[in-house]
Amino acid sequence: MTYVTEWARLFALTLGVELAVAVPLLGKDDPLARRAGAVAFAQLASHPLVWFVIPTFGLAGARFLLLAEGWALASELVFYRLVFPRLTWRRALAISALANGASMTVGGLLR
């Protein structure tokens, strides 16, 4: 399996998990399609950088994990806050953290 194929497979898994977690947590004020689209776009902003850019920094272990997950958490937090202005920063952080934690856990369990 190529690196890009592996990324696409794991992107789909991550997207599925984060949709399942984040969409309901984003509330019912906005249409389902808007919430799902926002989660998908947040993944498109964070996941490719984690797979294709951050590895070029030469970090390993905890440093890599801290930067990769920190980027995912922060970029998705800001994206959710910008797309849903009624969402507080604290709630956007909680949603991003829960969704990222869930996808990381599922990915780890399937390894």
PDB file of N, CA and C in Angstrom:
ATOM      1  N   MET A   1       0.850  -1.182   0.000  1.00  0.00           N
ATOM      2  CA  MET A   1       0.000   0.000   0.000  1.00  0.00           C
ATOM      3  C   MET A   1       0.895   1.244   0.000  1.00  0.00           C
ATOM      4  N   THR A   2       0.579   2.190  -0.850  1.00  0.00           N
ATOM      5  CA  THR A   2       1.371   3.414  -0.901  1.00  0.00           C
ATOM      6  C   THR A   2       1.033   4.310   0.290  1.00  0.00           C
ATOM      7  N   TYR A   3       1.913   5.263   0.537  1.00  0.00           N
ATOM      8  CA  TYR A   3       1.708   6.204   1.631  1.00  0.00           C
ATOM      9  C   TYR A   3       0.423   7.005   1.421  1.00  0.00           C
ATOM     10  N   VAL A   4       0.163   7.425   0.182  1.00  0.00           N
ATOM     11  CA  VAL A   4      -1.039   8.209  -0.127  1.00  0.00           C
ATOM     12  C   VAL A   4      -2.286   7.351   0.067  1.00  0.00           C
ATOM     13  N   THR A   5      -2.228   6.083  -0.335  1.00  0.00           N
ATOM     14  CA  THR A   5      -3.364   5.179  -0.138  1.00  0.00           C
ATOM     15  C   THR A   5      -3.631   4.974   1.352  1.00  0.00           C
ATOM     16  N   GLU A   6      -2.560   4.807   2.117  1.00  0.00           N
ATOM     17  CA  GLU A   6      -2.721   4.646   3.568  1.00  0.00           C
ATOM     18  C   GLU A   6      -3.315   5.920   4.174  1.00  0.00           C
ATOM     19  N   TRP A   7      -2.836   7.082   3.711  1.00  0.00           N
ATOM     20  CA  TRP A   7      -3.405   8.333   4.205  1.00  0.00           C
ATOM     21  C   TRP A   7      -4.907   8.405   3.888  1.00  0.00           C
ATOM     22  N   ALA A   8      -5.288   8.093   2.663  1.00  0.00           N
ATOM     23  CA  ALA A   8      -6.697   8.179   2.263  1.00  0.00           C
ATOM     24  C   ALA A   8      -7.571   7.254   3.099  1.00  0.00           C
ATOM     25  N   ARG A   9      -7.063   6.058   3.363  1.00  0.00           N
ATOM     26  CA  ARG A   9      -7.811   5.101   4.181  1.00  0.00           C
ATOM     27  C   ARG A   9      -7.998   5.644   5.598  1.00  0.00           C
ATOM     28  N   LEU A  10      -6.923   6.161   6.168  1.00  0.00           N
ATOM     29  CA  LEU A  10      -7.008   6.672   7.534  1.00  0.00           C
ATOM     30  C   LEU A  10      -7.715   8.024   7.606  1.00  0.00           C
ATOM     31  N   PHE A  11      -7.661   8.790   6.526  1.00  0.00           N
ATOM     32  CA  PHE A  11      -8.442  10.025   6.470  1.00  0.00           C
ATOM     33  C   PHE A  11      -9.933   9.691   6.538  1.00  0.00           C
ATOM     34  N   ALA A  12     -10.344   8.690   5.774  1.00  0.00           N
ATOM     35  CA  ALA A  12     -11.758   8.279   5.786  1.00  0.00           C
ATOM     36  C   ALA A  12     -12.179   7.822   7.174  1.00  0.00           C
ATOM     37  N   LEU A  13     -11.323   7.052   7.836  1.00  0.00           N
ATOM     38  CA  LEU A  13     -11.619   6.595   9.199  1.00  0.00           C
ATOM     39  C   LEU A  13     -11.732   7.785  10.146  1.00  0.00           C
ATOM     40  N   THR A  14     -10.750   8.679  10.084  1.00  0.00           N
ATOM     41  CA  THR A  14     -10.759   9.859  10.948  1.00  0.00           C
ATOM     42  C   THR A  14     -11.996  10.709  10.690  1.00  0.00           C
ATOM     43  N   LEU A  15     -12.313  10.918   9.432  1.00  0.00           N
ATOM     44  CA  LEU A  15     -13.488  11.708   9.086  1.00  0.00           C
ATOM     45  C   LEU A  15     -14.753  11.081   9.649  1.00  0.00           C
ATOM     46  N   GLY A  16     -14.893   9.778   9.498  1.00  0.00           N
ATOM     47  CA  GLY A  16     -16.072   9.092  10.026  1.00  0.00           C
ATOM     48  C   GLY A  16     -16.215   9.242  11.527  1.00  0.00           C
ATOM     49  N   VAL A  17     -15.114   9.050  12.234  1.00  0.00           N
ATOM     50  CA  VAL A  17     -15.149   9.161  13.701  1.00  0.00           C
ATOM     51  C   VAL A  17     -15.449  10.602  14.113  1.00  0.00           C
ATOM     52  N   GLU A  18     -14.773  11.549  13.499  1.00  0.00           N
ATOM     53  CA  GLU A  18     -14.967  12.938  13.906  1.00  0.00           C
ATOM     54  C   GLU A  18     -16.350  13.468  13.522  1.00  0.00           C
ATOM     55  N   LEU A  19     -16.899  12.989  12.413  1.00  0.00           N
ATOM     56  CA  LEU A  19     -18.287  13.340  12.089  1.00  0.00           C
ATOM     57  C   LEU A  19     -19.229  12.818  13.169  1.00  0.00           C
ATOM     58  N   ALA A  20     -19.022  11.573  13.583  1.00  0.00           N
ATOM     59  CA  ALA A  20     -19.896  10.961  14.593  1.00  0.00           C
ATOM     60  C   ALA A  20     -19.824  11.691  15.928  1.00  0.00           C
ATOM     61  N   VAL A  21     -18.670  12.230  16.254  1.00  0.00           N
ATOM     62  CA  VAL A  21     -18.499  12.909  17.545  1.00  0.00           C
ATOM     63  C   VAL A  21     -18.869  14.390  17.446  1.00  0.00           C
ATOM     64  N   ALA A  22     -18.314  15.089  16.479  1.00  0.00           N
ATOM     65  CA  ALA A  22     -18.443  16.553  16.448  1.00  0.00           C
ATOM     66  C   ALA A  22     -19.802  17.048  15.980  1.00  0.00           C
ATOM     67  N   VAL A  23     -20.396  16.390  15.001  1.00  0.00           N
ATOM     68  CA  VAL A  23     -21.671  16.895  14.453  1.00  0.00           C
ATOM     69  C   VAL A  23     -22.737  17.028  15.545  1.00  0.00           C
ATOM     70  N   PRO A  24     -22.978  16.005  16.360  1.00  0.00           N
ATOM     71  CA  PRO A  24     -23.993  16.188  17.411  1.00  0.00           C
ATOM     72  C   PRO A  24     -23.594  17.247  18.444  1.00  0.00           C
ATOM     73  N   LEU A  25     -22.295  17.349  18.725  1.00  0.00           N
ATOM     74  CA  LEU A  25     -21.841  18.312  19.730  1.00  0.00           C
ATOM     75  C   LEU A  25     -21.921  19.757  19.241  1.00  0.00           C
ATOM     76  N   LEU A  26     -21.965  19.946  17.940  1.00  0.00           N
ATOM     77  CA  LEU A  26     -22.081  21.301  17.404  1.00  0.00           C
ATOM     78  C   LEU A  26     -23.487  21.869  17.574  1.00  0.00           C
ATOM     79  N   GLY A  27     -24.400  21.063  18.098  1.00  0.00           N
ATOM     80  CA  GLY A  27     -25.734  21.539  18.418  1.00  0.00           C
ATOM     81  C   GLY A  27     -26.713  21.359  17.278  1.00  0.00           C
ATOM     82  N   LYS A  28     -27.923  21.769  17.534  1.00  0.00           N
ATOM     83  CA  LYS A  28     -28.994  21.594  16.561  1.00  0.00           C
ATOM     84  C   LYS A  28     -29.443  22.913  15.947  1.00  0.00           C
ATOM     85  N   ASP A  29     -28.765  24.023  16.294  1.00  0.00           N
ATOM     86  CA  ASP A  29     -29.155  25.329  15.763  1.00  0.00           C
ATOM     87  C   ASP A  29     -28.902  25.447  14.263  1.00  0.00           C
ATOM     88  N   ASP A  30     -27.879  24.736  13.789  1.00  0.00           N
ATOM     89  CA  ASP A  30     -27.527  24.792  12.374  1.00  0.00           C
ATOM     90  C   ASP A  30     -27.932  23.489  11.698  1.00  0.00           C
ATOM     91  N   PRO A  31     -28.233  23.537  10.400  1.00  0.00           N
ATOM     92  CA  PRO A  31     -28.625  22.322   9.685  1.00  0.00           C
ATOM     93  C   PRO A  31     -27.535  21.250   9.735  1.00  0.00           C
ATOM     94  N   LEU A  32     -27.964  20.014   9.680  1.00  0.00           N
ATOM     95  CA  LEU A  32     -27.047  18.882   9.718  1.00  0.00           C
ATOM     96  C   LEU A  32     -25.987  18.987   8.618  1.00  0.00           C
ATOM     97  N   ALA A  33     -26.390  19.362   7.419  1.00  0.00           N
ATOM     98  CA  ALA A  33     -25.436  19.462   6.307  1.00  0.00           C
ATOM     99  C   ALA A  33     -24.358  20.511   6.592  1.00  0.00           C
ATOM    100  N   ARG A  34     -24.741  21.615   7.223  1.00  0.00           N
ATOM    101  CA  ARG A  34     -23.760  22.660   7.560  1.00  0.00           C
ATOM    102  C   ARG A  34     -22.769  22.148   8.594  1.00  0.00           C
ATOM    103  N   ARG A  35     -23.272  21.462   9.620  1.00  0.00           N
ATOM    104  CA  ARG A  35     -22.386  20.925  10.661  1.00  0.00           C
ATOM    105  C   ARG A  35     -21.459  19.852  10.093  1.00  0.00           C
ATOM    106  N   ALA A  36     -22.012  18.947   9.287  1.00  0.00           N
ATOM    107  CA  ALA A  36     -21.196  17.881   8.696  1.00  0.00           C
ATOM    108  C   ALA A  36     -20.168  18.462   7.721  1.00  0.00           C
ATOM    109  N   GLY A  37     -20.570  19.440   6.941  1.00  0.00           N
ATOM    110  CA  GLY A  37     -19.640  20.081   6.016  1.00  0.00           C
ATOM    111  C   GLY A  37     -18.502  20.780   6.743  1.00  0.00           C
ATOM    112  N   ALA A  38     -18.826  21.422   7.845  1.00  0.00           N
ATOM    113  CA  ALA A  38     -17.790  22.103   8.626  1.00  0.00           C
ATOM    114  C   ALA A  38     -16.780  21.103   9.184  1.00  0.00           C
ATOM    115  N   VAL A  39     -17.275  19.986   9.682  1.00  0.00           N
ATOM    116  CA  VAL A  39     -16.368  18.961  10.207  1.00  0.00           C
ATOM    117  C   VAL A  39     -15.492  18.417   9.087  1.00  0.00           C
ATOM    118  N   ALA A  40     -16.071  18.165   7.935  1.00  0.00           N
ATOM    119  CA  ALA A  40     -15.293  17.655   6.800  1.00  0.00           C
ATOM    120  C   ALA A  40     -14.228  18.666   6.372  1.00  0.00           C
ATOM    121  N   PHE A  41     -14.582  19.934   6.271  1.00  0.00           N
ATOM    122  CA  PHE A  41     -13.602  20.942   5.890  1.00  0.00           C
ATOM    123  C   PHE A  41     -12.513  21.100   6.948  1.00  0.00           C
ATOM    124  N   ALA A  42     -12.876  21.002   8.217  1.00  0.00           N
ATOM    125  CA  ALA A  42     -11.872  21.076   9.278  1.00  0.00           C
ATOM    126  C   ALA A  42     -10.868  19.933   9.134  1.00  0.00           C
ATOM    127  N   GLN A  43     -11.369  18.754   8.772  1.00  0.00           N
ATOM    128  CA  GLN A  43     -10.471  17.611   8.553  1.00  0.00           C
ATOM    129  C   GLN A  43      -9.564  17.848   7.356  1.00  0.00           C
ATOM    130  N   LEU A  44     -10.110  18.427   6.302  1.00  0.00           N
ATOM    131  CA  LEU A  44      -9.299  18.715   5.116  1.00  0.00           C
ATOM    132  C   LEU A  44      -8.214  19.748   5.408  1.00  0.00           C
ATOM    133  N   ALA A  45      -8.442  20.594   6.394  1.00  0.00           N
ATOM    134  CA  ALA A  45      -7.439  21.586   6.776  1.00  0.00           C
ATOM    135  C   ALA A  45      -6.363  21.001   7.677  1.00  0.00           C
ATOM    136  N   SER A  46      -6.718  20.025   8.483  1.00  0.00           N
ATOM    137  CA  SER A  46      -5.759  19.525   9.472  1.00  0.00           C
ATOM    138  C   SER A  46      -5.066  18.224   9.067  1.00  0.00           C
ATOM    139  N   HIS A  47      -5.797  17.268   8.579  1.00  0.00           N
ATOM    140  CA  HIS A  47      -5.266  15.911   8.364  1.00  0.00           C
ATOM    141  C   HIS A  47      -4.132  15.846   7.339  1.00  0.00           C
ATOM    142  N   PRO A  48      -4.258  16.474   6.163  1.00  0.00           N
ATOM    143  CA  PRO A  48      -3.139  16.400   5.200  1.00  0.00           C
ATOM    144  C   PRO A  48      -1.837  16.998   5.745  1.00  0.00           C
ATOM    145  N   LEU A  49      -1.919  18.074   6.514  1.00  0.00           N
ATOM    146  CA  LEU A  49      -0.702  18.645   7.079  1.00  0.00           C
ATOM    147  C   LEU A  49      -0.045  17.694   8.064  1.00  0.00           C
ATOM    148  N   VAL A  50      -0.872  16.994   8.853  1.00  0.00           N
ATOM    149  CA  VAL A  50      -0.334  16.019   9.800  1.00  0.00           C
ATOM    150  C   VAL A  50       0.397  14.905   9.059  1.00  0.00           C
ATOM    151  N   TRP A  51      -0.100  14.504   7.911  1.00  0.00           N
ATOM    152  CA  TRP A  51       0.479  13.379   7.176  1.00  0.00           C
ATOM    153  C   TRP A  51       1.588  13.756   6.214  1.00  0.00           C
ATOM    154  N   PHE A  52       1.483  14.936   5.592  1.00  0.00           N
ATOM    155  CA  PHE A  52       2.409  15.268   4.514  1.00  0.00           C
ATOM    156  C   PHE A  52       3.390  16.396   4.822  1.00  0.00           C
ATOM    157  N   VAL A  53       3.097  17.240   5.790  1.00  0.00           N
ATOM    158  CA  VAL A  53       3.982  18.363   6.089  1.00  0.00           C
ATOM    159  C   VAL A  53       4.752  18.140   7.392  1.00  0.00           C
ATOM    160  N   ILE A  54       4.048  17.857   8.461  1.00  0.00           N
ATOM    161  CA  ILE A  54       4.703  17.722   9.766  1.00  0.00           C
ATOM    162  C   ILE A  54       5.778  16.627   9.766  1.00  0.00           C
ATOM    163  N   PRO A  55       5.597  15.511   9.062  1.00  0.00           N
ATOM    164  CA  PRO A  55       6.683  14.509   9.040  1.00  0.00           C
ATOM    165  C   PRO A  55       7.994  15.032   8.450  1.00  0.00           C
ATOM    166  N   THR A  56       7.936  16.070   7.627  1.00  0.00           N
ATOM    167  CA  THR A  56       9.167  16.617   7.045  1.00  0.00           C
ATOM    168  C   THR A  56       9.997  17.389   8.062  1.00  0.00           C
ATOM    169  N   PHE A  57       9.447  17.653   9.236  1.00  0.00           N
ATOM    170  CA  PHE A  57      10.175  18.384  10.275  1.00  0.00           C
ATOM    171  C   PHE A  57      11.192  17.503  10.993  1.00  0.00           C
ATOM    172  N   GLY A  58      11.131  16.200  10.775  1.00  0.00           N
ATOM    173  CA  GLY A  58      12.103  15.290  11.377  1.00  0.00           C
ATOM    174  C   GLY A  58      11.877  14.995  12.850  1.00  0.00           C
ATOM    175  N   LEU A  59      10.691  15.230  13.329  1.00  0.00           N
ATOM    176  CA  LEU A  59      10.384  14.954  14.737  1.00  0.00           C
ATOM    177  C   LEU A  59       9.968  13.502  14.892  1.00  0.00           C
ATOM    178  N   ALA A  60      10.171  12.973  16.069  1.00  0.00           N
ATOM    179  CA  ALA A  60       9.766  11.592  16.335  1.00  0.00           C
ATOM    180  C   ALA A  60       9.082  11.519  17.695  1.00  0.00           C
ATOM    181  N   GLY A  61       8.375  10.431  17.890  1.00  0.00           N
ATOM    182  CA  GLY A  61       7.776  10.128  19.190  1.00  0.00           C
ATOM    183  C   GLY A  61       6.853  11.209  19.712  1.00  0.00           C
ATOM    184  N   ALA A  62       7.091  11.564  20.972  1.00  0.00           N
ATOM    185  CA  ALA A  62       6.213  12.509  21.668  1.00  0.00           C
ATOM    186  C   ALA A  62       6.214  13.888  21.013  1.00  0.00           C
ATOM    187  N   ARG A  63       7.348  14.314  20.482  1.00  0.00           N
ATOM    188  CA  ARG A  63       7.403  15.641  19.838  1.00  0.00           C
ATOM    189  C   ARG A  63       6.527  15.678  18.588  1.00  0.00           C
ATOM    190  N   PHE A  64       6.610  14.622  17.797  1.00  0.00           N
ATOM    191  CA  PHE A  64       5.766  14.546  16.611  1.00  0.00           C
ATOM    192  C   PHE A  64       4.300  14.537  17.009  1.00  0.00           C
ATOM    193  N   LEU A  65       3.968  13.676  17.965  1.00  0.00           N
ATOM    194  CA  LEU A  65       2.578  13.545  18.408  1.00  0.00           C
ATOM    195  C   LEU A  65       2.045  14.871  18.956  1.00  0.00           C
ATOM    196  N   LEU A  66       2.848  15.550  19.752  1.00  0.00           N
ATOM    197  CA  LEU A  66       2.428  16.828  20.331  1.00  0.00           C
ATOM    198  C   LEU A  66       2.163  17.872  19.238  1.00  0.00           C
ATOM    199  N   LEU A  67       3.061  17.965  18.265  1.00  0.00           N
ATOM    200  CA  LEU A  67       2.862  18.937  17.192  1.00  0.00           C
ATOM    201  C   LEU A  67       1.678  18.556  16.310  1.00  0.00           C
ATOM    202  N   ALA A  68       1.595  17.289  15.925  1.00  0.00           N
ATOM    203  CA  ALA A  68       0.520  16.849  15.029  1.00  0.00           C
ATOM    204  C   ALA A  68      -0.842  17.011  15.682  1.00  0.00           C
ATOM    205  N   GLU A  69      -0.988  16.518  16.888  1.00  0.00           N
ATOM    206  CA  GLU A  69      -2.285  16.624  17.561  1.00  0.00           C
ATOM    207  C   GLU A  69      -2.576  18.055  17.984  1.00  0.00           C
ATOM    208  N   GLY A  70      -1.533  18.797  18.335  1.00  0.00           N
ATOM    209  CA  GLY A  70      -1.726  20.214  18.669  1.00  0.00           C
ATOM    210  C   GLY A  70      -2.236  21.009  17.477  1.00  0.00           C
ATOM    211  N   TRP A  71      -1.653  20.726  16.297  1.00  0.00           N
ATOM    212  CA  TRP A  71      -2.126  21.379  15.071  1.00  0.00           C
ATOM    213  C   TRP A  71      -3.578  21.012  14.787  1.00  0.00           C
ATOM    214  N   ALA A  72      -3.892  19.717  14.853  1.00  0.00           N
ATOM    215  CA  ALA A  72      -5.256  19.275  14.570  1.00  0.00           C
ATOM    216  C   ALA A  72      -6.248  19.944  15.526  1.00  0.00           C
ATOM    217  N   LEU A  73      -5.934  19.907  16.801  1.00  0.00           N
ATOM    218  CA  LEU A  73      -6.818  20.491  17.809  1.00  0.00           C
ATOM    219  C   LEU A  73      -7.001  21.986  17.566  1.00  0.00           C
ATOM    220  N   ALA A  74      -5.905  22.713  17.393  1.00  0.00           N
ATOM    221  CA  ALA A  74      -5.969  24.167  17.262  1.00  0.00           C
ATOM    222  C   ALA A  74      -6.648  24.595  15.957  1.00  0.00           C
ATOM    223  N   SER A  75      -6.296  23.960  14.857  1.00  0.00           N
ATOM    224  CA  SER A  75      -6.876  24.377  13.576  1.00  0.00           C
ATOM    225  C   SER A  75      -8.376  24.097  13.538  1.00  0.00           C
ATOM    226  N   GLU A  76      -8.780  22.958  14.077  1.00  0.00           N
ATOM    227  CA  GLU A  76     -10.204  22.631  14.080  1.00  0.00           C
ATOM    228  C   GLU A  76     -10.967  23.520  15.058  1.00  0.00           C
ATOM    229  N   LEU A  77     -10.369  23.833  16.189  1.00  0.00           N
ATOM    230  CA  LEU A  77     -10.975  24.740  17.162  1.00  0.00           C
ATOM    231  C   LEU A  77     -11.254  26.092  16.519  1.00  0.00           C
ATOM    232  N   VAL A  78     -10.272  26.662  15.858  1.00  0.00           N
ATOM    233  CA  VAL A  78     -10.438  27.970  15.217  1.00  0.00           C
ATOM    234  C   VAL A  78     -11.467  27.884  14.092  1.00  0.00           C
ATOM    235  N   PHE A  79     -11.403  26.829  13.304  1.00  0.00           N
ATOM    236  CA  PHE A  79     -12.353  26.666  12.204  1.00  0.00           C
ATOM    237  C   PHE A  79     -13.788  26.609  12.732  1.00  0.00           C
ATOM    238  N   TYR A  80     -14.031  25.776  13.758  1.00  0.00           N
ATOM    239  CA  TYR A  80     -15.386  25.667  14.322  1.00  0.00           C
ATOM    240  C   TYR A  80     -15.855  27.012  14.861  1.00  0.00           C
ATOM    241  N   ARG A  81     -14.978  27.735  15.513  1.00  0.00           N
ATOM    242  CA  ARG A  81     -15.346  29.021  16.097  1.00  0.00           C
ATOM    243  C   ARG A  81     -15.689  30.043  15.016  1.00  0.00           C
ATOM    244  N   LEU A  82     -14.946  30.019  13.911  1.00  0.00           N
ATOM    245  CA  LEU A  82     -15.218  30.950  12.814  1.00  0.00           C
ATOM    246  C   LEU A  82     -16.509  30.614  12.071  1.00  0.00           C
ATOM    247  N   VAL A  83     -16.761  29.336  11.887  1.00  0.00           N
ATOM    248  CA  VAL A  83     -17.952  28.909  11.144  1.00  0.00           C
ATOM    249  C   VAL A  83     -19.217  29.052  11.989  1.00  0.00           C
ATOM    250  N   PHE A  84     -19.087  28.825  13.283  1.00  0.00           N
ATOM    251  CA  PHE A  84     -20.235  28.890  14.198  1.00  0.00           C
ATOM    252  C   PHE A  84     -19.981  29.971  15.250  1.00  0.00           C
ATOM    253  N   PRO A  85     -20.232  31.237  14.919  1.00  0.00           N
ATOM    254  CA  PRO A  85     -19.888  32.336  15.823  1.00  0.00           C
ATOM    255  C   PRO A  85     -20.596  32.290  17.180  1.00  0.00           C
ATOM    256  N   ARG A  86     -21.722  31.600  17.263  1.00  0.00           N
ATOM    257  CA  ARG A  86     -22.407  31.481  18.566  1.00  0.00           C
ATOM    258  C   ARG A  86     -21.711  30.477  19.478  1.00  0.00           C
ATOM    259  N   LEU A  87     -20.843  29.675  18.911  1.00  0.00           N
ATOM    260  CA  LEU A  87     -20.104  28.678  19.674  1.00  0.00           C
ATOM    261  C   LEU A  87     -19.020  29.386  20.499  1.00  0.00           C
ATOM    262  N   THR A  88     -18.968  29.124  21.780  1.00  0.00           N
ATOM    263  CA  THR A  88     -17.923  29.749  22.594  1.00  0.00           C
ATOM    264  C   THR A  88     -16.574  29.089  22.300  1.00  0.00           C
ATOM    265  N   TRP A  89     -15.515  29.805  22.626  1.00  0.00           N
ATOM    266  CA  TRP A  89     -14.171  29.242  22.439  1.00  0.00           C
ATOM    267  C   TRP A  89     -14.021  27.964  23.268  1.00  0.00           C
ATOM    268  N   ARG A  90     -14.553  27.980  24.472  1.00  0.00           N
ATOM    269  CA  ARG A  90     -14.438  26.811  25.357  1.00  0.00           C
ATOM    270  C   ARG A  90     -15.151  25.596  24.753  1.00  0.00           C
ATOM    271  N   ARG A  91     -16.345  25.817  24.232  1.00  0.00           N
ATOM    272  CA  ARG A  91     -17.093  24.705  23.628  1.00  0.00           C
ATOM    273  C   ARG A  91     -16.408  24.215  22.342  1.00  0.00           C
ATOM    274  N   ALA A  92     -15.908  25.141  21.540  1.00  0.00           N
ATOM    275  CA  ALA A  92     -15.188  24.747  20.324  1.00  0.00           C
ATOM    276  C   ALA A  92     -13.951  23.923  20.679  1.00  0.00           C
ATOM    277  N   LEU A  93     -13.251  24.318  21.727  1.00  0.00           N
ATOM    278  CA  LEU A  93     -12.087  23.550  22.189  1.00  0.00           C
ATOM    279  C   LEU A  93     -12.502  22.161  22.645  1.00  0.00           C
ATOM    280  N   ALA A  94     -13.580  22.083  23.407  1.00  0.00           N
ATOM    281  CA  ALA A  94     -14.051  20.782  23.901  1.00  0.00           C
ATOM    282  C   ALA A  94     -14.446  19.867  22.741  1.00  0.00           C
ATOM    283  N   ILE A  95     -15.138  20.409  21.758  1.00  0.00           N
ATOM    284  CA  ILE A  95     -15.561  19.600  20.609  1.00  0.00           C
ATOM    285  C   ILE A  95     -14.348  19.107  19.836  1.00  0.00           C
ATOM    286  N   SER A  96     -13.402  19.998  19.580  1.00  0.00           N
ATOM    287  CA  SER A  96     -12.194  19.613  18.861  1.00  0.00           C
ATOM    288  C   SER A  96     -11.416  18.559  19.641  1.00  0.00           C
ATOM    289  N   ALA A  97     -11.274  18.748  20.942  1.00  0.00           N
ATOM    290  CA  ALA A  97     -10.522  17.798  21.761  1.00  0.00           C
ATOM    291  C   ALA A  97     -11.196  16.429  21.811  1.00  0.00           C
ATOM    292  N   LEU A  98     -12.501  16.418  21.986  1.00  0.00           N
ATOM    293  CA  LEU A  98     -13.221  15.140  22.041  1.00  0.00           C
ATOM    294  C   LEU A  98     -13.170  14.413  20.700  1.00  0.00           C
ATOM    295  N   ALA A  99     -13.372  15.142  19.614  1.00  0.00           N
ATOM    296  CA  ALA A  99     -13.349  14.514  18.292  1.00  0.00           C
ATOM    297  C   ALA A  99     -11.954  13.979  17.962  1.00  0.00           C
ATOM    298  N   ASN A 100     -10.923  14.767  18.232  1.00  0.00           N
ATOM    299  CA  ASN A 100      -9.561  14.319  17.957  1.00  0.00           C
ATOM    300  C   ASN A 100      -9.158  13.164  18.865  1.00  0.00           C
ATOM    301  N   GLY A 101      -9.544  13.235  20.122  1.00  0.00           N
ATOM    302  CA  GLY A 101      -9.252  12.133  21.035  1.00  0.00           C
ATOM    303  C   GLY A 101      -9.921  10.845  20.602  1.00  0.00           C
ATOM    304  N   ALA A 102     -11.152  10.952  20.136  1.00  0.00           N
ATOM    305  CA  ALA A 102     -11.878   9.759  19.681  1.00  0.00           C
ATOM    306  C   ALA A 102     -11.228   9.161  18.438  1.00  0.00           C
ATOM    307  N   SER A 103     -10.857  10.006  17.479  1.00  0.00           N
ATOM    308  CA  SER A 103     -10.250   9.468  16.256  1.00  0.00           C
ATOM    309  C   SER A 103      -8.875   8.884  16.538  1.00  0.00           C
ATOM    310  N   MET A 104      -8.135   9.502  17.429  1.00  0.00           N
ATOM    311  CA  MET A 104      -6.825   8.960  17.795  1.00  0.00           C
ATOM    312  C   MET A 104      -6.982   7.613  18.509  1.00  0.00           C
ATOM    313  N   THR A 105      -7.967   7.507  19.380  1.00  0.00           N
ATOM    314  CA  THR A 105      -8.213   6.254  20.094  1.00  0.00           C
ATOM    315  C   THR A 105      -8.637   5.145  19.150  1.00  0.00           C
ATOM    316  N   VAL A 106      -9.585   5.437  18.273  1.00  0.00           N
ATOM    317  CA  VAL A 106     -10.061   4.421  17.315  1.00  0.00           C
ATOM    318  C   VAL A 106      -8.908   3.983  16.403  1.00  0.00           C
ATOM    319  N   GLY A 107      -8.142   4.960  15.915  1.00  0.00           N
ATOM    320  CA  GLY A 107      -7.000   4.628  15.068  1.00  0.00           C
ATOM    321  C   GLY A 107      -5.998   3.745  15.790  1.00  0.00           C
ATOM    322  N   GLY A 108      -5.723   4.077  17.040  1.00  0.00           N
ATOM    323  CA  GLY A 108      -4.793   3.275  17.840  1.00  0.00           C
ATOM    324  C   GLY A 108      -5.305   1.868  18.092  1.00  0.00           C
ATOM    325  N   LEU A 109      -6.587   1.733  18.339  1.00  0.00           N
ATOM    326  CA  LEU A 109      -7.177   0.407  18.590  1.00  0.00           C
ATOM    327  C   LEU A 109      -7.167  -0.474  17.339  1.00  0.00           C
ATOM    328  N   LEU A 110      -7.308   0.161  16.179  1.00  0.00           N
ATOM    329  CA  LEU A 110      -7.327  -0.613  14.935  1.00  0.00           C
ATOM    330  C   LEU A 110      -5.931  -0.956  14.419  1.00  0.00           C
ATOM    331  N   ARG A 111      -4.920  -0.367  15.009  1.00  0.00           N
ATOM    332  CA  ARG A 111      -3.560  -0.682  14.593  1.00  0.00           C
ATOM    333  C   ARG A 111      -3.252  -2.059  14.975  1.00  0.00           C
TER     334      ARG A 111
END
